[in-house]
């Protein structure tokens, strides 16, 4: 509909000059009339209301534009499912999946491809017959052994070391003494000393003992506790038995025996020293 606004000549332009028609307030801003100006409402909300009916059917919403009343009928829900319990899910394995298990699986997944990890994934032990196994009170260090009739537990067999040798070779001027290091076990039983030429050979537990013994004459015996393990004097290519056998050892627990070798052959020689021994300590 057309609105016949009043004259605005000489009227305020700050929105305070208003005109109300059909429940709507208009204000003059100096150029045009604006609805809801100066904080006024463009619609009189008191003209509207809602009439709520009892639930029925699928529900409905209607509006009467003459009275301004909304007519609302909510849907009838009595025929619809309002709650649900799934008995099948509780019987499923998925019902046992907990937050902690999910965390554990995520952690294992973060380790990468387990197929390429290289660790043992399965193992099997096969015996002829389980009735063949006869175990008594098991002890630490025992092993399962077959005695020809049945499997029994007994102490593990002791593995003994075999005799072996250690060799060192050095070119030495006649009458000169040289210090050598021979690779040996930390502790061993010395059985023989072999020289490829006439020599005076002295074996020591450590280098300090060898240094302290450096000035001793060939005709003087070493003092007890001086660190001398064994000493031989040969007149050529010879093997000297050590009787009784001597326990050789490195005082610091290293795999080395320290030697002093004096050439007594009468000329410069490449002299080889061979120790025959049995290992006593790993």
Protein backbone atom coordinates (compact mmCIF):
# COMPACT_ATOMS: atom_id res chain seq x y z
CA UNK A 1 0.00 0.00 0.00
CA UNK A 2 1.09 3.59 -0.54
CA UNK A 3 2.10 5.53 2.56
CA UNK A 4 1.47 9.23 2.70
CA UNK A 5 4.38 10.49 4.79
CA UNK A 6 4.03 13.98 6.33
CA UNK A 7 6.10 16.91 5.15
CA UNK A 8 9.70 16.93 6.38
CA UNK A 9 10.38 20.60 5.78
CA UNK A 10 12.25 22.03 8.76
CA UNK A 11 12.25 18.72 10.64
CA UNK A 12 15.24 17.19 12.47
CA UNK A 13 17.45 14.83 10.44
CA UNK A 14 18.91 12.82 13.33
CA UNK A 15 16.14 10.20 13.31
CA UNK A 16 14.14 11.80 16.11
CA UNK A 17 11.38 12.88 13.70
CA UNK A 18 9.24 9.74 13.27
CA UNK A 19 6.01 8.61 11.68
CA UNK A 20 4.10 5.43 12.63
CA UNK A 21 1.85 3.58 10.24
CA UNK A 22 0.49 0.02 10.40
CA UNK A 23 2.46 -0.65 13.52
CA UNK A 24 5.79 0.28 11.87
CA UNK A 25 7.82 3.25 13.02
CA UNK A 26 9.71 5.21 10.37
CA UNK A 27 12.34 7.90 11.07
CA UNK A 28 13.56 10.77 8.87
CA UNK A 29 17.33 10.93 8.27
CA UNK A 30 17.35 14.03 6.10
CA UNK A 31 17.21 12.11 2.80
CA UNK A 32 14.65 9.32 3.24
CA UNK A 33 12.32 7.59 5.68
CA UNK A 34 13.82 4.48 7.29
CA UNK A 35 11.98 1.73 9.13
CA UNK A 36 13.18 0.93 12.68
CA UNK A 37 15.23 4.06 12.88
CA UNK A 38 16.60 5.49 16.14
CA UNK A 39 16.39 2.08 17.86
CA UNK A 40 12.74 1.47 17.04
CA UNK A 41 11.48 -1.97 15.90
CA UNK A 42 10.39 -2.46 12.30
CA UNK A 43 7.83 -5.04 13.40
CA UNK A 44 5.54 -4.98 16.38
CA UNK A 45 6.18 -8.47 17.71
CA UNK A 46 3.23 -8.18 20.10
CA UNK A 47 0.97 -8.72 17.10
CA UNK A 48 2.13 -12.38 16.78
CA UNK A 49 1.35 -15.48 18.92
CA UNK A 50 1.59 -19.27 18.75
CA UNK A 51 -1.19 -21.68 19.45
CA UNK A 52 0.17 -25.17 20.29
CA UNK A 53 -2.22 -28.10 19.87
CA UNK A 54 -2.06 -31.68 21.10
CA UNK A 55 0.14 -34.04 19.12
CA UNK A 56 -1.59 -35.58 16.15
CA UNK A 57 -0.58 -37.45 13.02
CA UNK A 58 2.57 -36.21 11.33
CA UNK A 59 2.27 -32.73 12.85
CA UNK A 60 1.61 -29.38 11.13
CA UNK A 61 2.34 -25.63 11.24
CA UNK A 62 -0.10 -22.97 9.94
CA UNK A 63 -0.25 -19.14 10.04
CA UNK A 64 -3.29 -16.84 10.05
CA UNK A 65 -2.21 -13.58 8.41
CA UNK A 66 -5.31 -11.82 9.64
CA UNK A 67 -4.84 -12.62 13.31
CA UNK A 68 -1.03 -13.09 13.31
CA UNK A 69 -1.39 -16.45 15.04
CA UNK A 70 0.77 -19.50 14.27
CA UNK A 71 -1.07 -22.78 14.76
CA UNK A 72 1.39 -25.61 15.65
CA UNK A 73 0.46 -29.27 16.02
CA UNK A 74 3.42 -31.53 16.99
CA UNK A 75 3.64 -35.00 15.37
CA UNK A 76 2.40 -38.03 17.22
CA UNK A 77 5.52 -40.19 18.06
CA UNK A 78 3.89 -43.09 19.87
CA UNK A 79 4.30 -45.36 16.86
CA UNK A 80 8.03 -44.68 16.46
CA UNK A 81 11.08 -46.41 18.07
CA UNK A 82 12.36 -44.26 20.93
CA UNK A 83 15.15 -46.56 22.31
CA UNK A 84 17.23 -49.52 21.09
CA UNK A 85 19.39 -52.27 22.58
CA UNK A 86 21.58 -54.43 20.30
CA UNK A 87 22.04 -57.89 21.88
CA UNK A 88 24.07 -59.08 18.89
CA UNK A 89 26.80 -56.44 19.31
CA UNK A 90 27.49 -57.38 22.94
CA UNK A 91 28.23 -60.94 21.76
CA UNK A 92 30.67 -59.69 19.11
CA UNK A 93 34.45 -59.58 19.63
CA UNK A 94 34.30 -55.87 18.82
CA UNK A 95 32.42 -55.28 22.08
CA UNK A 96 35.66 -56.07 23.95
CA UNK A 97 37.67 -53.37 22.17
CA UNK A 98 38.70 -50.89 24.88
CA UNK A 99 40.45 -47.55 24.69
CA UNK A 100 43.60 -49.13 26.20
CA UNK A 101 43.65 -51.85 23.55
CA UNK A 102 43.33 -49.25 20.82
CA UNK A 103 46.29 -47.37 22.33
CA UNK A 104 48.36 -50.58 22.42
CA UNK A 105 47.55 -51.37 18.80
CA UNK A 106 48.45 -47.83 17.71
CA UNK A 107 51.77 -48.12 19.57
CA UNK A 108 52.61 -51.45 17.91
CA UNK A 109 51.64 -50.04 14.50
CA UNK A 110 54.07 -47.18 15.06
CA UNK A 111 56.96 -49.67 15.31
CA UNK A 112 56.76 -50.24 11.57
CA UNK A 113 56.62 -53.38 9.45
CA UNK A 114 56.95 -56.31 11.84
CA UNK A 115 57.56 -58.69 8.93
CA UNK A 116 60.94 -57.06 8.35
CA UNK A 117 61.95 -56.88 12.02
CA UNK A 118 64.06 -60.05 11.85
CA UNK A 119 63.02 -61.48 15.20
CA UNK A 120 61.69 -64.95 15.90
CA UNK A 121 57.95 -65.21 15.26
CA UNK A 122 57.44 -68.93 15.83
CA UNK A 123 59.30 -71.97 17.13
CA UNK A 124 58.64 -75.62 17.70
CA UNK A 125 60.26 -78.35 19.79
CA UNK A 126 59.91 -81.93 18.67
CA UNK A 127 60.70 -84.91 20.91
CA UNK A 128 60.37 -88.53 19.88
CA UNK A 129 57.74 -89.10 22.52
CA UNK A 130 56.76 -87.00 25.53
CA UNK A 131 56.75 -90.18 27.57
CA UNK A 132 60.53 -90.33 27.02
CA UNK A 133 61.05 -87.24 29.22
CA UNK A 134 61.99 -87.96 32.83
CA UNK A 135 62.76 -84.88 34.90
CA UNK A 136 63.82 -84.66 38.52
CA UNK A 137 64.31 -81.44 40.51
CA UNK A 138 65.81 -79.07 37.93
CA UNK A 139 68.85 -76.99 38.90
CA UNK A 140 70.46 -73.91 37.33
CA UNK A 141 72.97 -74.88 34.65
CA UNK A 142 71.48 -78.29 33.94
CA UNK A 143 70.66 -79.43 30.38
CA UNK A 144 68.23 -81.94 28.88
CA UNK A 145 70.25 -85.01 27.78
CA UNK A 146 69.22 -88.24 26.08
CA UNK A 147 70.80 -91.27 27.78
CA UNK A 148 69.72 -93.83 25.19
CA UNK A 149 66.43 -94.62 26.87
CA UNK A 150 64.91 -91.31 27.91
CA UNK A 151 65.53 -87.58 28.18
CA UNK A 152 66.87 -86.56 31.60
CA UNK A 153 68.12 -83.33 33.16
CA UNK A 154 71.70 -83.30 34.37
CA UNK A 155 74.60 -80.91 34.86
CA UNK A 156 76.00 -79.48 31.65
CA UNK A 157 79.27 -81.15 30.60
CA UNK A 158 82.45 -79.18 31.27
CA UNK A 159 84.24 -78.20 28.06
CA UNK A 160 88.04 -78.48 28.49
CA UNK A 161 90.52 -76.52 26.43
CA UNK A 162 93.03 -78.26 24.15
CA UNK A 163 96.76 -77.62 24.07
CA UNK A 164 97.84 -74.84 21.76
CA UNK A 165 100.77 -72.51 21.02
CA UNK A 166 101.63 -68.83 20.80
CA UNK A 167 104.45 -67.63 18.52
CA UNK A 168 106.49 -64.43 18.25
CA UNK A 169 109.47 -63.77 15.92
CA UNK A 170 112.07 -60.98 16.10
CA UNK A 171 115.43 -60.28 14.40
CA UNK A 172 117.99 -59.73 17.20
CA UNK A 173 121.68 -58.83 17.08
CA UNK A 174 124.09 -61.20 18.81
CA UNK A 175 124.20 -60.54 22.57
CA UNK A 176 121.37 -57.97 22.37
CA UNK A 177 118.18 -58.12 24.41
CA UNK A 178 114.74 -57.14 23.10
CA UNK A 179 111.37 -56.84 24.80
CA UNK A 180 108.47 -58.68 23.12
CA UNK A 181 104.76 -59.16 23.79
CA UNK A 182 103.21 -62.59 23.17
CA UNK A 183 99.44 -62.91 22.81
CA UNK A 184 98.24 -65.50 25.36
CA UNK A 185 95.16 -66.12 27.53
CA UNK A 186 94.81 -64.14 30.75
CA UNK A 187 95.76 -67.31 32.68
CA UNK A 188 97.26 -70.54 31.29
CA UNK A 189 99.34 -73.59 32.16
CA UNK A 190 102.78 -73.27 30.51
CA UNK A 191 104.11 -76.65 29.33
CA UNK A 192 107.05 -75.90 26.98
CA UNK A 193 109.16 -73.04 25.64
CA UNK A 194 110.67 -73.48 22.17
CA UNK A 195 113.43 -71.36 20.61
CA UNK A 196 114.61 -71.42 16.98
CA UNK A 197 118.17 -70.41 18.01
CA UNK A 198 120.30 -70.18 21.14
CA UNK A 199 118.58 -67.66 23.43
CA UNK A 200 117.88 -66.59 26.97
CA UNK A 201 114.09 -66.19 27.34
CA UNK A 202 112.36 -64.74 30.41
CA UNK A 203 108.57 -64.42 30.77
CA UNK A 204 106.89 -61.80 33.01
CA UNK A 205 103.43 -61.01 34.41
CA UNK A 206 103.70 -57.30 33.55
CA UNK A 207 106.02 -54.74 31.98
CA UNK A 208 106.98 -53.20 35.33
CA UNK A 209 108.41 -56.52 36.50
CA UNK A 210 110.34 -56.85 33.22
CA UNK A 211 111.80 -53.37 33.62
CA UNK A 212 112.83 -54.06 37.22
CA UNK A 213 114.55 -57.30 36.14
CA UNK A 214 116.40 -55.82 33.17
CA UNK A 215 119.81 -55.56 34.92
CA UNK A 216 119.89 -59.09 36.37
CA UNK A 217 122.78 -61.26 35.16
CA UNK A 218 122.19 -64.59 33.43
CA UNK A 219 123.91 -66.42 36.30
CA UNK A 220 121.61 -64.94 38.94
CA UNK A 221 118.22 -66.49 39.69
CA UNK A 222 115.16 -64.18 39.87
CA UNK A 223 113.79 -63.44 43.32
CA UNK A 224 110.48 -64.99 44.42
CA UNK A 225 107.55 -62.64 43.75
CA UNK A 226 109.58 -60.57 41.26
CA UNK A 227 106.99 -61.14 38.47
CA UNK A 228 109.11 -63.70 36.59
CA UNK A 229 106.87 -66.54 35.36
CA UNK A 230 109.47 -68.77 33.73
CA UNK A 231 112.98 -68.61 32.28
CA UNK A 232 114.87 -70.88 29.82
CA UNK A 233 118.38 -70.82 28.34
CA UNK A 234 118.90 -72.81 25.13
CA UNK A 235 121.98 -73.58 23.02
CA UNK A 236 120.17 -73.71 19.67
CA UNK A 237 116.90 -74.80 18.09
CA UNK A 238 115.45 -76.52 21.14
CA UNK A 239 112.29 -77.19 23.15
CA UNK A 240 112.53 -76.84 26.90
CA UNK A 241 109.98 -78.72 29.02
CA UNK A 242 108.60 -76.79 31.98
CA UNK A 243 108.39 -79.35 34.77
CA UNK A 244 106.33 -79.09 36.77
CA UNK A 245 104.01 -76.97 34.62
CA UNK A 246 103.88 -73.29 35.50
CA UNK A 247 100.75 -71.15 35.84
CA UNK A 248 101.29 -68.17 33.58
CA UNK A 249 99.09 -65.12 33.94
CA UNK A 250 98.80 -61.40 33.19
CA UNK A 251 98.59 -59.43 36.44
CA UNK A 252 96.23 -56.87 34.86
CA UNK A 253 93.95 -59.49 33.30
CA UNK A 254 95.02 -58.77 29.71
CA UNK A 255 95.63 -61.33 26.98
CA UNK A 256 99.40 -60.85 26.92
CA UNK A 257 102.63 -62.31 28.28
CA UNK A 258 105.67 -60.01 28.36
CA UNK A 259 109.05 -61.47 27.40
CA UNK A 260 112.72 -60.49 27.32
CA UNK A 261 114.77 -62.38 24.68
CA UNK A 262 118.60 -62.29 24.53
CA UNK A 263 120.30 -63.64 21.36
CA UNK A 264 123.08 -66.07 22.35
CA UNK A 265 123.60 -67.65 18.91
CA UNK A 266 126.85 -65.80 18.05
CA UNK A 267 125.34 -63.83 15.13
CA UNK A 268 122.31 -61.74 14.22
CA UNK A 269 119.33 -64.08 13.98
CA UNK A 270 115.58 -64.01 13.34
CA UNK A 271 114.60 -65.84 16.49
CA UNK A 272 111.16 -67.41 17.00
CA UNK A 273 109.82 -68.05 20.50
CA UNK A 274 106.94 -70.56 20.80
CA UNK A 275 104.98 -71.09 24.02
CA UNK A 276 103.09 -74.38 24.43
CA UNK A 277 100.20 -73.99 26.89
CA UNK A 278 96.64 -74.90 27.93
CA UNK A 279 94.16 -72.05 28.47
CA UNK A 280 92.77 -71.78 32.04
CA UNK A 281 90.83 -68.49 31.89
CA UNK A 282 88.57 -67.09 29.21
